[in-house]
Amino acid sequence: MSKFVSDVSGREWGEEVLGSEVPVLVDFWADWCGPCHAVSPILEEIAKERADRMKVLKLDVDQYPKVAAEYGVRSIPTLALFSGGAERGRVVGVLPKPRLETELDKVMGRVGSPGDEAA
């Protein structure tokens, strides 16, 4: 992958995504998917710009179909934001970077810091 975006496997899912101390944006993708390749450079930029606040991981749905099915991923690319061990929001398809950032900011604003609990 790259310095800012990494692959995640089904075996690593619990630790890298559900157990993460920071929010995690997961790109459910496949190599044969044209739109998945189109969103990759956008995710690279976001991952680089937000490296201090979140991490970006990619899960290949062909290699790990059980994880994709567990989270109801039926179309790719699906971008799901996880925080505190739970999915907090999702975008399906390719969005321009400004729209994707707006969606991320909305969700991250609701999430707050890891470990924060609503009263």
N, C-alpha and C. Protein backbone atom coordinates (compact mmCIF):
# COMPACT_ATOMS: atom_id res chain seq x y z
N MET A 1 0.83 -1.18 0.00
CA MET A 1 0.00 0.00 0.00
C MET A 1 0.88 1.25 0.00
N SER A 2 0.74 2.04 1.06
CA SER A 2 1.51 3.27 1.12
C SER A 2 1.89 3.57 2.56
N LYS A 3 2.52 4.68 2.74
CA LYS A 3 2.90 5.09 4.09
C LYS A 3 1.68 5.42 4.93
N PHE A 4 0.60 5.88 4.29
CA PHE A 4 -0.56 6.38 5.03
C PHE A 4 -1.79 5.47 4.97
N VAL A 5 -1.87 4.60 3.99
CA VAL A 5 -3.00 3.67 3.86
C VAL A 5 -2.44 2.26 3.87
N SER A 6 -3.01 1.41 4.71
CA SER A 6 -2.54 0.03 4.84
C SER A 6 -3.67 -0.95 4.59
N ASP A 7 -3.29 -2.16 4.22
CA ASP A 7 -4.27 -3.25 4.10
C ASP A 7 -4.55 -3.80 5.49
N VAL A 8 -5.76 -4.29 5.67
CA VAL A 8 -6.11 -4.98 6.91
C VAL A 8 -6.69 -6.33 6.52
N SER A 9 -6.36 -7.35 7.29
CA SER A 9 -6.88 -8.69 7.02
C SER A 9 -8.01 -9.00 7.99
N GLY A 10 -8.69 -10.07 7.72
CA GLY A 10 -9.74 -10.52 8.63
C GLY A 10 -9.18 -10.85 10.01
N ARG A 11 -7.96 -11.38 10.05
CA ARG A 11 -7.33 -11.73 11.32
C ARG A 11 -6.95 -10.49 12.13
N GLU A 12 -6.62 -9.42 11.46
CA GLU A 12 -6.20 -8.19 12.13
C GLU A 12 -7.37 -7.26 12.48
N TRP A 13 -8.55 -7.57 11.96
CA TRP A 13 -9.72 -6.68 12.07
C TRP A 13 -9.99 -6.23 13.50
N GLY A 14 -10.04 -7.16 14.42
CA GLY A 14 -10.37 -6.82 15.81
C GLY A 14 -9.41 -5.82 16.41
N GLU A 15 -8.13 -6.06 16.23
CA GLU A 15 -7.12 -5.17 16.81
C GLU A 15 -7.01 -3.85 16.06
N GLU A 16 -6.92 -3.92 14.73
CA GLU A 16 -6.64 -2.73 13.93
C GLU A 16 -7.85 -1.81 13.75
N VAL A 17 -9.05 -2.37 13.74
CA VAL A 17 -10.25 -1.56 13.51
C VAL A 17 -11.05 -1.40 14.79
N LEU A 18 -11.55 -2.50 15.33
CA LEU A 18 -12.43 -2.42 16.49
C LEU A 18 -11.69 -1.99 17.76
N GLY A 19 -10.42 -2.33 17.87
CA GLY A 19 -9.65 -1.98 19.06
C GLY A 19 -8.80 -0.73 18.91
N SER A 20 -8.97 -0.01 17.83
CA SER A 20 -8.13 1.17 17.58
C SER A 20 -8.43 2.30 18.56
N GLU A 21 -7.37 2.99 18.95
CA GLU A 21 -7.49 4.16 19.84
C GLU A 21 -7.98 5.39 19.08
N VAL A 22 -7.84 5.40 17.77
CA VAL A 22 -8.27 6.52 16.93
C VAL A 22 -9.33 6.04 15.95
N PRO A 23 -10.15 6.96 15.42
CA PRO A 23 -11.12 6.55 14.39
C PRO A 23 -10.41 5.91 13.20
N VAL A 24 -11.10 4.96 12.57
CA VAL A 24 -10.54 4.23 11.43
C VAL A 24 -11.52 4.30 10.26
N LEU A 25 -11.03 4.78 9.13
CA LEU A 25 -11.82 4.76 7.90
C LEU A 25 -11.40 3.51 7.13
N VAL A 26 -12.37 2.61 6.90
CA VAL A 26 -12.09 1.36 6.20
C VAL A 26 -12.68 1.45 4.80
N ASP A 27 -11.83 1.19 3.82
CA ASP A 27 -12.24 1.13 2.42
C ASP A 27 -12.44 -0.34 2.07
N PHE A 28 -13.71 -0.76 1.93
CA PHE A 28 -14.02 -2.10 1.46
C PHE A 28 -13.92 -2.03 -0.06
N TRP A 29 -13.01 -2.81 -0.65
CA TRP A 29 -12.70 -2.68 -2.06
C TRP A 29 -12.35 -4.03 -2.67
N ALA A 30 -12.11 -4.04 -3.99
CA ALA A 30 -11.59 -5.20 -4.71
C ALA A 30 -10.75 -4.69 -5.88
N ASP A 31 -9.76 -5.46 -6.27
CA ASP A 31 -8.84 -5.04 -7.32
C ASP A 31 -9.53 -4.84 -8.67
N TRP A 32 -10.57 -5.61 -8.95
CA TRP A 32 -11.26 -5.54 -10.23
C TRP A 32 -12.21 -4.35 -10.32
N CYS A 33 -12.40 -3.63 -9.24
CA CYS A 33 -13.40 -2.55 -9.14
C CYS A 33 -12.81 -1.21 -9.59
N GLY A 34 -13.25 -0.72 -10.75
CA GLY A 34 -12.78 0.57 -11.26
C GLY A 34 -13.03 1.73 -10.31
N PRO A 35 -14.25 1.89 -9.79
CA PRO A 35 -14.49 2.99 -8.85
C PRO A 35 -13.62 2.89 -7.59
N CYS A 36 -13.27 1.68 -7.18
CA CYS A 36 -12.39 1.51 -6.02
C CYS A 36 -11.02 2.14 -6.30
N HIS A 37 -10.53 1.94 -7.51
CA HIS A 37 -9.24 2.53 -7.89
C HIS A 37 -9.36 4.05 -8.00
N ALA A 38 -10.53 4.54 -8.40
CA ALA A 38 -10.74 5.98 -8.52
C ALA A 38 -10.72 6.67 -7.15
N VAL A 39 -11.20 5.99 -6.12
CA VAL A 39 -11.25 6.60 -4.80
C VAL A 39 -9.90 6.51 -4.07
N SER A 40 -9.03 5.63 -4.50
CA SER A 40 -7.75 5.43 -3.81
C SER A 40 -6.90 6.70 -3.65
N PRO A 41 -6.72 7.51 -4.70
CA PRO A 41 -5.90 8.72 -4.51
C PRO A 41 -6.54 9.71 -3.53
N ILE A 42 -7.85 9.75 -3.50
CA ILE A 42 -8.55 10.63 -2.55
C ILE A 42 -8.29 10.15 -1.13
N LEU A 43 -8.36 8.84 -0.92
CA LEU A 43 -8.09 8.29 0.41
C LEU A 43 -6.65 8.51 0.82
N GLU A 44 -5.73 8.42 -0.12
CA GLU A 44 -4.32 8.69 0.18
C GLU A 44 -4.15 10.10 0.71
N GLU A 45 -4.77 11.06 0.04
CA GLU A 45 -4.67 12.46 0.48
C GLU A 45 -5.27 12.65 1.86
N ILE A 46 -6.46 12.11 2.07
CA ILE A 46 -7.13 12.24 3.36
C ILE A 46 -6.30 11.58 4.46
N ALA A 47 -5.78 10.39 4.17
CA ALA A 47 -4.96 9.68 5.17
C ALA A 47 -3.72 10.49 5.53
N LYS A 48 -3.09 11.09 4.55
CA LYS A 48 -1.90 11.90 4.81
C LYS A 48 -2.24 13.14 5.62
N GLU A 49 -3.31 13.82 5.24
CA GLU A 49 -3.70 15.07 5.89
C GLU A 49 -4.22 14.85 7.31
N ARG A 50 -4.78 13.68 7.58
CA ARG A 50 -5.40 13.41 8.89
C ARG A 50 -4.66 12.34 9.68
N ALA A 51 -3.41 12.10 9.34
CA ALA A 51 -2.63 11.02 9.96
C ALA A 51 -2.55 11.16 11.48
N ASP A 52 -2.66 12.36 11.99
CA ASP A 52 -2.59 12.57 13.43
C ASP A 52 -3.92 12.35 14.13
N ARG A 53 -5.02 12.20 13.36
CA ARG A 53 -6.36 12.08 13.96
C ARG A 53 -7.09 10.79 13.66
N MET A 54 -6.64 10.07 12.62
CA MET A 54 -7.33 8.85 12.22
C MET A 54 -6.40 8.00 11.38
N LYS A 55 -6.82 6.76 11.14
CA LYS A 55 -6.07 5.92 10.20
C LYS A 55 -7.02 5.42 9.12
N VAL A 56 -6.43 5.10 7.97
CA VAL A 56 -7.19 4.63 6.82
C VAL A 56 -6.66 3.24 6.46
N LEU A 57 -7.59 2.29 6.39
CA LEU A 57 -7.25 0.91 6.06
C LEU A 57 -8.10 0.44 4.89
N LYS A 58 -7.58 -0.54 4.14
CA LYS A 58 -8.31 -1.13 3.03
C LYS A 58 -8.52 -2.62 3.30
N LEU A 59 -9.75 -3.09 3.09
CA LEU A 59 -10.06 -4.51 3.24
C LEU A 59 -10.56 -5.03 1.90
N ASP A 60 -9.85 -6.00 1.36
CA ASP A 60 -10.21 -6.60 0.07
C ASP A 60 -11.38 -7.57 0.30
N VAL A 61 -12.53 -7.24 -0.28
CA VAL A 61 -13.74 -8.05 -0.04
C VAL A 61 -13.65 -9.43 -0.68
N ASP A 62 -12.80 -9.59 -1.69
CA ASP A 62 -12.61 -10.92 -2.29
C ASP A 62 -11.80 -11.82 -1.38
N GLN A 63 -10.83 -11.26 -0.68
CA GLN A 63 -10.00 -12.05 0.22
C GLN A 63 -10.69 -12.30 1.57
N TYR A 64 -11.54 -11.36 2.00
CA TYR A 64 -12.17 -11.45 3.32
C TYR A 64 -13.68 -11.22 3.22
N PRO A 65 -14.38 -12.10 2.48
CA PRO A 65 -15.82 -11.90 2.28
C PRO A 65 -16.64 -12.01 3.56
N LYS A 66 -16.16 -12.75 4.55
CA LYS A 66 -16.92 -12.88 5.80
C LYS A 66 -16.99 -11.55 6.54
N VAL A 67 -15.90 -10.80 6.54
CA VAL A 67 -15.90 -9.49 7.21
C VAL A 67 -16.85 -8.55 6.46
N ALA A 68 -16.77 -8.53 5.14
CA ALA A 68 -17.65 -7.68 4.34
C ALA A 68 -19.12 -8.04 4.58
N ALA A 69 -19.43 -9.32 4.61
CA ALA A 69 -20.80 -9.76 4.85
C ALA A 69 -21.27 -9.40 6.25
N GLU A 70 -20.39 -9.53 7.23
CA GLU A 70 -20.74 -9.20 8.61
C GLU A 70 -21.18 -7.74 8.74
N TYR A 71 -20.60 -6.87 7.93
CA TYR A 71 -20.93 -5.45 7.99
C TYR A 71 -21.89 -5.02 6.89
N GLY A 72 -22.49 -5.97 6.20
CA GLY A 72 -23.52 -5.67 5.22
C GLY A 72 -23.02 -4.92 4.00
N VAL A 73 -21.78 -5.14 3.62
CA VAL A 73 -21.23 -4.46 2.45
C VAL A 73 -21.73 -5.20 1.21
N ARG A 74 -22.53 -4.49 0.41
CA ARG A 74 -23.10 -5.10 -0.79
C ARG A 74 -22.61 -4.44 -2.07
N SER A 75 -22.08 -3.23 -1.94
CA SER A 75 -21.53 -2.50 -3.09
C SER A 75 -20.17 -1.96 -2.69
N ILE A 76 -19.29 -1.88 -3.68
CA ILE A 76 -17.98 -1.31 -3.41
C ILE A 76 -17.70 -0.23 -4.44
N PRO A 77 -16.92 0.77 -4.06
CA PRO A 77 -16.31 0.94 -2.75
C PRO A 77 -17.33 1.36 -1.69
N THR A 78 -17.15 0.81 -0.51
CA THR A 78 -17.87 1.25 0.68
C THR A 78 -16.82 1.75 1.65
N LEU A 79 -17.00 2.97 2.12
CA LEU A 79 -16.10 3.56 3.10
C LEU A 79 -16.86 3.65 4.41
N ALA A 80 -16.36 2.96 5.43
CA ALA A 80 -17.02 2.92 6.73
C ALA A 80 -16.09 3.49 7.79
N LEU A 81 -16.63 4.37 8.62
CA LEU A 81 -15.84 4.97 9.69
C LEU A 81 -16.18 4.28 11.00
N PHE A 82 -15.14 3.76 11.65
CA PHE A 82 -15.29 3.06 12.92
C PHE A 82 -14.62 3.88 14.03
N SER A 83 -15.26 3.87 15.19
CA SER A 83 -14.69 4.53 16.37
C SER A 83 -15.24 3.82 17.59
N GLY A 84 -14.38 3.59 18.57
CA GLY A 84 -14.83 2.93 19.78
C GLY A 84 -15.38 1.54 19.56
N GLY A 85 -14.89 0.85 18.54
CA GLY A 85 -15.30 -0.52 18.28
C GLY A 85 -16.59 -0.68 17.51
N ALA A 86 -17.16 0.43 17.00
CA ALA A 86 -18.42 0.34 16.27
C ALA A 86 -18.38 1.19 15.01
N GLU A 87 -19.18 0.79 14.04
CA GLU A 87 -19.31 1.60 12.83
C GLU A 87 -20.14 2.83 13.16
N ARG A 88 -19.66 4.00 12.75
CA ARG A 88 -20.33 5.27 13.06
C ARG A 88 -20.92 5.96 11.84
N GLY A 89 -20.48 5.53 10.65
CA GLY A 89 -21.01 6.14 9.43
C GLY A 89 -20.43 5.44 8.22
N ARG A 90 -21.08 5.66 7.06
CA ARG A 90 -20.63 4.98 5.85
C ARG A 90 -21.01 5.78 4.63
N VAL A 91 -20.17 5.66 3.60
CA VAL A 91 -20.41 6.24 2.30
C VAL A 91 -20.21 5.13 1.28
N VAL A 92 -21.15 5.00 0.35
CA VAL A 92 -21.05 3.99 -0.69
C VAL A 92 -20.83 4.71 -2.02
N GLY A 93 -19.82 4.27 -2.75
CA GLY A 93 -19.52 4.88 -4.03
C GLY A 93 -18.40 5.89 -3.91
N VAL A 94 -18.15 6.57 -5.02
CA VAL A 94 -17.06 7.55 -5.09
C VAL A 94 -17.64 8.94 -4.93
N LEU A 95 -17.11 9.68 -3.97
CA LEU A 95 -17.48 11.09 -3.80
C LEU A 95 -16.25 11.95 -4.06
N PRO A 96 -16.46 13.17 -4.54
CA PRO A 96 -15.32 14.08 -4.64
C PRO A 96 -14.74 14.32 -3.24
N LYS A 97 -13.47 14.61 -3.17
CA LYS A 97 -12.80 14.78 -1.89
C LYS A 97 -13.51 15.75 -0.96
N PRO A 98 -13.94 16.95 -1.42
CA PRO A 98 -14.60 17.87 -0.48
C PRO A 98 -15.88 17.28 0.14
N ARG A 99 -16.66 16.55 -0.65
CA ARG A 99 -17.88 15.93 -0.11
C ARG A 99 -17.55 14.81 0.86
N LEU A 100 -16.53 14.03 0.55
CA LEU A 100 -16.13 12.96 1.45
C LEU A 100 -15.64 13.55 2.77
N GLU A 101 -14.85 14.61 2.69
CA GLU A 101 -14.35 15.25 3.91
C GLU A 101 -15.50 15.82 4.75
N THR A 102 -16.50 16.38 4.10
CA THR A 102 -17.67 16.90 4.82
C THR A 102 -18.37 15.77 5.56
N GLU A 103 -18.55 14.64 4.89
CA GLU A 103 -19.20 13.50 5.53
C GLU A 103 -18.36 12.99 6.71
N LEU A 104 -17.05 12.89 6.52
CA LEU A 104 -16.18 12.45 7.61
C LEU A 104 -16.26 13.40 8.79
N ASP A 105 -16.23 14.70 8.51
CA ASP A 105 -16.28 15.69 9.59
C ASP A 105 -17.59 15.61 10.36
N LYS A 106 -18.70 15.37 9.66
CA LYS A 106 -19.99 15.22 10.33
C LYS A 106 -19.95 14.06 11.31
N VAL A 107 -19.48 12.92 10.83
CA VAL A 107 -19.45 11.72 11.67
C VAL A 107 -18.45 11.89 12.81
N MET A 108 -17.27 12.40 12.51
CA MET A 108 -16.25 12.56 13.55
C MET A 108 -16.70 13.58 14.60
N GLY A 109 -17.46 14.56 14.20
CA GLY A 109 -18.00 15.53 15.15
C GLY A 109 -18.96 14.89 16.13
N ARG A 110 -19.73 13.90 15.66
CA ARG A 110 -20.66 13.18 16.54
C ARG A 110 -19.95 12.19 17.43
N VAL A 111 -18.83 11.67 16.95
CA VAL A 111 -18.11 10.63 17.67
C VAL A 111 -17.37 11.19 18.87
N GLY A 112 -16.71 12.32 18.71
CA GLY A 112 -15.90 12.87 19.78
C GLY A 112 -14.61 12.08 19.91
N SER A 113 -13.97 12.22 21.03
CA SER A 113 -12.69 11.52 21.25
C SER A 113 -12.94 10.08 21.64
N PRO A 114 -12.05 9.18 21.25
CA PRO A 114 -12.19 7.79 21.69
C PRO A 114 -12.24 7.72 23.19
N GLY A 115 -13.13 6.91 23.71
CA GLY A 115 -13.27 6.78 25.15
C GLY A 115 -14.33 7.68 25.72
N ASP A 116 -14.75 8.71 24.97
CA ASP A 116 -15.82 9.57 25.46
C ASP A 116 -17.13 8.78 25.42
N GLU A 117 -17.87 8.87 26.47
CA GLU A 117 -19.17 8.20 26.51
C GLU A 117 -20.26 9.24 26.67
N ALA A 118 -21.34 9.05 25.97
CA ALA A 118 -22.49 9.96 26.11
C ALA A 118 -23.12 9.74 27.48
N ALA A 119 -23.53 10.83 28.10
CA ALA A 119 -24.12 10.72 29.45
C ALA A 119 -25.56 10.29 29.36
